[in-house]
C-alpha atoms as a PDB file:
ATOM      1  CA  MET A   1       3.063 -39.474 -43.564  1.00  0.00           C
ATOM      2  CA  THR A   2       3.776 -40.211 -46.737  1.00  0.00           C
ATOM      3  CA  LYS A   3       0.931 -39.678 -50.218  1.00  0.00           C
ATOM      4  CA  LYS A   4       0.061 -43.361 -50.177  1.00  0.00           C
ATOM      5  CA  GLU A   5      -1.447 -43.362 -46.318  1.00  0.00           C
ATOM      6  CA  LEU A   6      -3.161 -39.624 -47.157  1.00  0.00           C
ATOM      7  CA  LEU A   7      -4.802 -41.630 -49.597  1.00  0.00           C
ATOM      8  CA  GLY A   8      -5.429 -44.010 -48.205  1.00  0.00           C
ATOM      9  CA  LYS A   9      -7.399 -42.041 -45.111  1.00  0.00           C
ATOM     10  CA  GLU A  10      -9.282 -40.106 -48.504  1.00  0.00           C
ATOM     11  CA  LEU A  11     -10.479 -42.935 -49.539  1.00  0.00           C
ATOM     12  CA  SER A  12     -11.474 -44.472 -46.263  1.00  0.00           C
ATOM     13  CA  ASN A  13     -13.232 -41.560 -45.397  1.00  0.00           C
ATOM     14  CA  LEU A  14     -15.143 -40.720 -48.501  1.00  0.00           C
ATOM     15  CA  TYR A  15     -15.589 -44.960 -48.492  1.00  0.00           C
ATOM     16  CA  ALA A  16     -17.581 -43.719 -44.469  1.00  0.00           C
ATOM     17  CA  ILE A  17     -19.689 -41.015 -46.801  1.00  0.00           C
ATOM     18  CA  ALA A  18     -21.325 -42.932 -49.661  1.00  0.00           C
ATOM     19  CA  LYS A  19     -22.267 -45.688 -47.140  1.00  0.00           C
ATOM     20  CA  GLN A  20     -23.594 -43.780 -44.843  1.00  0.00           C
ATOM     21  CA  VAL A  21     -25.443 -41.673 -47.261  1.00  0.00           C
ATOM     22  CA  ASN A  22     -27.133 -45.580 -49.008  1.00  0.00           C
ATOM     23  CA  THR A  23     -27.477 -46.694 -45.815  1.00  0.00           C
ATOM     24  CA  HIS A  24     -29.580 -43.466 -44.596  1.00  0.00           C
ATOM     25  CA  PHE A  25     -31.547 -43.053 -47.573  1.00  0.00           C
ATOM     26  CA  ASN A  26     -32.015 -46.807 -47.963  1.00  0.00           C
ATOM     27  CA  GLY A  27     -36.136 -47.374 -47.148  1.00  0.00           C
ATOM     28  CA  SER A  28     -36.618 -43.505 -46.046  1.00  0.00           C
ATOM     29  CA  ASP A  29     -39.677 -42.408 -45.836  1.00  0.00           C
ATOM     30  CA  ILE A  30     -39.701 -39.633 -48.530  1.00  0.00           C
ATOM     31  CA  SER A  31     -43.202 -39.653 -50.190  1.00  0.00           C
ATOM     32  CA  PHE A  32     -43.949 -35.868 -49.310  1.00  0.00           C
ATOM     33  CA  LEU A  33     -40.895 -35.103 -51.712  1.00  0.00           C
ATOM     34  CA  SER A  34     -41.945 -34.168 -55.290  1.00  0.00           C
ATOM     35  CA  GLU A  35     -41.557 -36.004 -58.317  1.00  0.00           C
ATOM     36  CA  LYS A  36     -38.215 -32.971 -58.925  1.00  0.00           C
ATOM     37  CA  ALA A  37     -36.825 -33.716 -55.808  1.00  0.00           C
ATOM     38  CA  PHE A  38     -37.521 -37.491 -55.991  1.00  0.00           C
ATOM     39  CA  ALA A  39     -35.655 -37.773 -58.735  1.00  0.00           C
ATOM     40  CA  VAL A  40     -32.691 -35.014 -57.634  1.00  0.00           C
ATOM     41  CA  LEU A  41     -32.407 -37.779 -54.543  1.00  0.00           C
ATOM     42  CA  GLY A  42     -32.648 -40.877 -56.435  1.00  0.00           C
ATOM     43  CA  ASP A  43     -29.679 -39.663 -59.024  1.00  0.00           C
ATOM     44  CA  TYR A  44     -27.999 -38.467 -55.848  1.00  0.00           C
ATOM     45  CA  VAL A  45     -28.182 -41.932 -53.805  1.00  0.00           C
ATOM     46  CA  LYS A  46     -27.145 -43.982 -57.790  1.00  0.00           C
ATOM     47  CA  PHE A  47     -24.090 -41.823 -57.764  1.00  0.00           C
ATOM     48  CA  SER A  48     -23.778 -42.678 -54.155  1.00  0.00           C
ATOM     49  CA  CYS A  49     -24.577 -46.209 -54.251  1.00  0.00           C
ATOM     50  CA  ALA A  50     -21.110 -46.311 -57.523  1.00  0.00           C
ATOM     51  CA  ASN A  51     -18.948 -43.520 -55.603  1.00  0.00           C
ATOM     52  CA  GLU A  52     -19.127 -46.271 -52.705  1.00  0.00           C
ATOM     53  CA  GLU A  53     -18.363 -49.698 -55.331  1.00  0.00           C
ATOM     54  CA  GLU A  54     -15.110 -47.273 -56.928  1.00  0.00           C
ATOM     55  CA  THR A  55     -14.123 -46.433 -53.853  1.00  0.00           C
ATOM     56  CA  SER A  56     -13.779 -49.569 -51.879  1.00  0.00           C
ATOM     57  CA  GLU A  57     -11.888 -50.933 -55.067  1.00  0.00           C
ATOM     58  CA  SER A  58      -9.533 -47.934 -55.120  1.00  0.00           C
ATOM     59  CA  LEU A  59      -9.597 -49.529 -51.292  1.00  0.00           C
ATOM     60  CA  ARG A  60      -9.019 -52.967 -52.315  1.00  0.00           C
ATOM     61  CA  ALA A  61      -5.987 -51.860 -54.650  1.00  0.00           C
ATOM     62  CA  LEU A  62      -4.023 -50.336 -52.275  1.00  0.00           C
ATOM     63  CA  GLN A  63      -4.958 -52.382 -49.297  1.00  0.00           C
ATOM     64  CA  VAL A  64      -6.748 -50.684 -47.278  1.00  0.00           C
ATOM     65  CA  ASN A  65      -9.125 -51.757 -45.199  1.00  0.00           C
ATOM     66  CA  PRO A  66     -11.452 -48.413 -44.595  1.00  0.00           C
ATOM     67  CA  GLY A  67     -13.207 -50.504 -41.306  1.00  0.00           C
ATOM     68  CA  ASN A  68     -15.662 -49.177 -39.238  1.00  0.00           C
ATOM     69  CA  THR A  69     -14.295 -45.548 -40.580  1.00  0.00           C
ATOM     70  CA  THR A  70     -17.825 -43.417 -39.861  1.00  0.00           C
ATOM     71  CA  ASP A  71     -18.030 -39.090 -40.822  1.00  0.00           C
ATOM     72  CA  SER A  72     -19.444 -37.289 -37.893  1.00  0.00           C
ATOM     73  CA  ILE A  73     -20.429 -34.556 -40.317  1.00  0.00           C
ATOM     74  CA  VAL A  74     -21.811 -36.963 -42.263  1.00  0.00           C
ATOM     75  CA  ARG A  75     -23.655 -38.220 -39.435  1.00  0.00           C
ATOM     76  CA  GLU A  76     -25.371 -34.935 -38.219  1.00  0.00           C
ATOM     77  CA  MET A  77     -25.914 -34.172 -41.838  1.00  0.00           C
ATOM     78  CA  THR A  78     -28.532 -37.580 -41.974  1.00  0.00           C
ATOM     79  CA  GLU A  79     -29.813 -36.841 -37.809  1.00  0.00           C
ATOM     80  CA  ASN A  80     -31.117 -33.075 -39.371  1.00  0.00           C
ATOM     81  CA  LEU A  81     -32.366 -35.101 -42.789  1.00  0.00           C
ATOM     82  CA  ASN A  82     -34.292 -37.642 -40.051  1.00  0.00           C
ATOM     83  CA  ASP A  83     -35.811 -35.108 -38.003  1.00  0.00           C
ATOM     84  CA  ILE A  84     -37.380 -33.400 -41.343  1.00  0.00           C
ATOM     85  CA  VAL A  85     -38.704 -36.012 -42.294  1.00  0.00           C
ATOM     86  CA  LYS A  86     -40.307 -37.009 -38.927  1.00  0.00           C
ATOM     87  CA  SER A  87     -41.078 -33.245 -38.593  1.00  0.00           C
ATOM     88  CA  ASN A  88     -45.369 -32.186 -38.468  1.00  0.00           C
ATOM     89  CA  GLU A  89     -44.459 -30.015 -40.945  1.00  0.00           C
ATOM     90  CA  LYS A  90     -46.543 -28.632 -44.164  1.00  0.00           C
ATOM     91  CA  ASP A  91     -44.921 -30.970 -46.949  1.00  0.00           C
ATOM     92  CA  ALA A  92     -43.946 -27.946 -48.882  1.00  0.00           C
ATOM     93  CA  LEU A  93     -41.790 -26.582 -45.612  1.00  0.00           C
ATOM     94  CA  LYS A  94     -40.490 -30.058 -44.939  1.00  0.00           C
ATOM     95  CA  GLU A  95     -39.844 -30.474 -48.577  1.00  0.00           C
ATOM     96  CA  LEU A  96     -37.281 -27.107 -48.466  1.00  0.00           C
ATOM     97  CA  SER A  97     -35.804 -27.872 -45.266  1.00  0.00           C
ATOM     98  CA  PHE A  98     -35.299 -31.918 -46.625  1.00  0.00           C
ATOM     99  CA  ASN A  99     -33.898 -29.812 -49.990  1.00  0.00           C
ATOM    100  CA  LEU A 100     -31.745 -27.246 -48.506  1.00  0.00           C
ATOM    101  CA  SER A 101     -30.380 -29.896 -46.083  1.00  0.00           C
ATOM    102  CA  LEU A 102     -29.773 -32.738 -48.817  1.00  0.00           C
ATOM    103  CA  ASN A 103     -27.814 -29.918 -50.978  1.00  0.00           C
ATOM    104  CA  ARG A 104     -25.541 -29.471 -47.986  1.00  0.00           C
ATOM    105  CA  LEU A 105     -25.166 -33.263 -47.930  1.00  0.00           C
ATOM    106  CA  ILE A 106     -24.389 -33.289 -51.589  1.00  0.00           C
ATOM    107  CA  SER A 107     -21.637 -30.766 -51.450  1.00  0.00           C
ATOM    108  CA  TYR A 108     -19.927 -32.228 -48.585  1.00  0.00           C
ATOM    109  CA  HIS A 109     -19.581 -35.507 -50.986  1.00  0.00           C
ATOM    110  CA  THR A 110     -19.068 -33.924 -54.131  1.00  0.00           C
ATOM    111  CA  THR A 111     -15.992 -31.560 -52.019  1.00  0.00           C
ATOM    112  CA  ASN A 112     -14.399 -34.842 -51.089  1.00  0.00           C
ATOM    113  CA  VAL A 113     -14.663 -36.439 -54.140  1.00  0.00           C
ATOM    114  CA  GLN A 114     -13.031 -33.779 -55.840  1.00  0.00           C
ATOM    115  CA  ASN A 115     -10.420 -33.951 -52.404  1.00  0.00           C
ATOM    116  CA  VAL A 116      -9.732 -37.350 -54.435  1.00  0.00           C
ATOM    117  CA  GLY A 117      -9.371 -36.379 -57.297  1.00  0.00           C
ATOM    118  CA  CYS A 118      -6.342 -33.885 -56.604  1.00  0.00           C
ATOM    119  CA  LEU A 119      -4.608 -36.375 -54.594  1.00  0.00           C
ATOM    120  CA  MET A 120      -4.802 -39.159 -57.178  1.00  0.00           C
ATOM    121  CA  ALA A 121      -3.561 -36.560 -59.464  1.00  0.00           C
ATOM    122  CA  VAL A 122      -0.064 -35.393 -57.881  1.00  0.00           C
END
């Protein structure tokens, strides 16, 4: 495998992460979140939307079509977030659970961005 092929695979995965995140949070019921948690989520979604666009441009430049690539870890994390939203827990506990899961998702996404950065720096 060449560096270009590896970069294409990593960018495809990063694109899938951003696309799945953006799709998941579009229209999500987050009415139980505090103002602070809502702001954190809003900042993350803005980052993810920008990341999807930047990654798409990088893929085009490499002439790579990500196709219908999905990330199973993100799918699992967003399913967990869905379960939390649908739970009958009190809002304080629901928000805490949501924030912990969101932190995992943000960390995973950020790590994948860093991986691409490392590849591009070589």
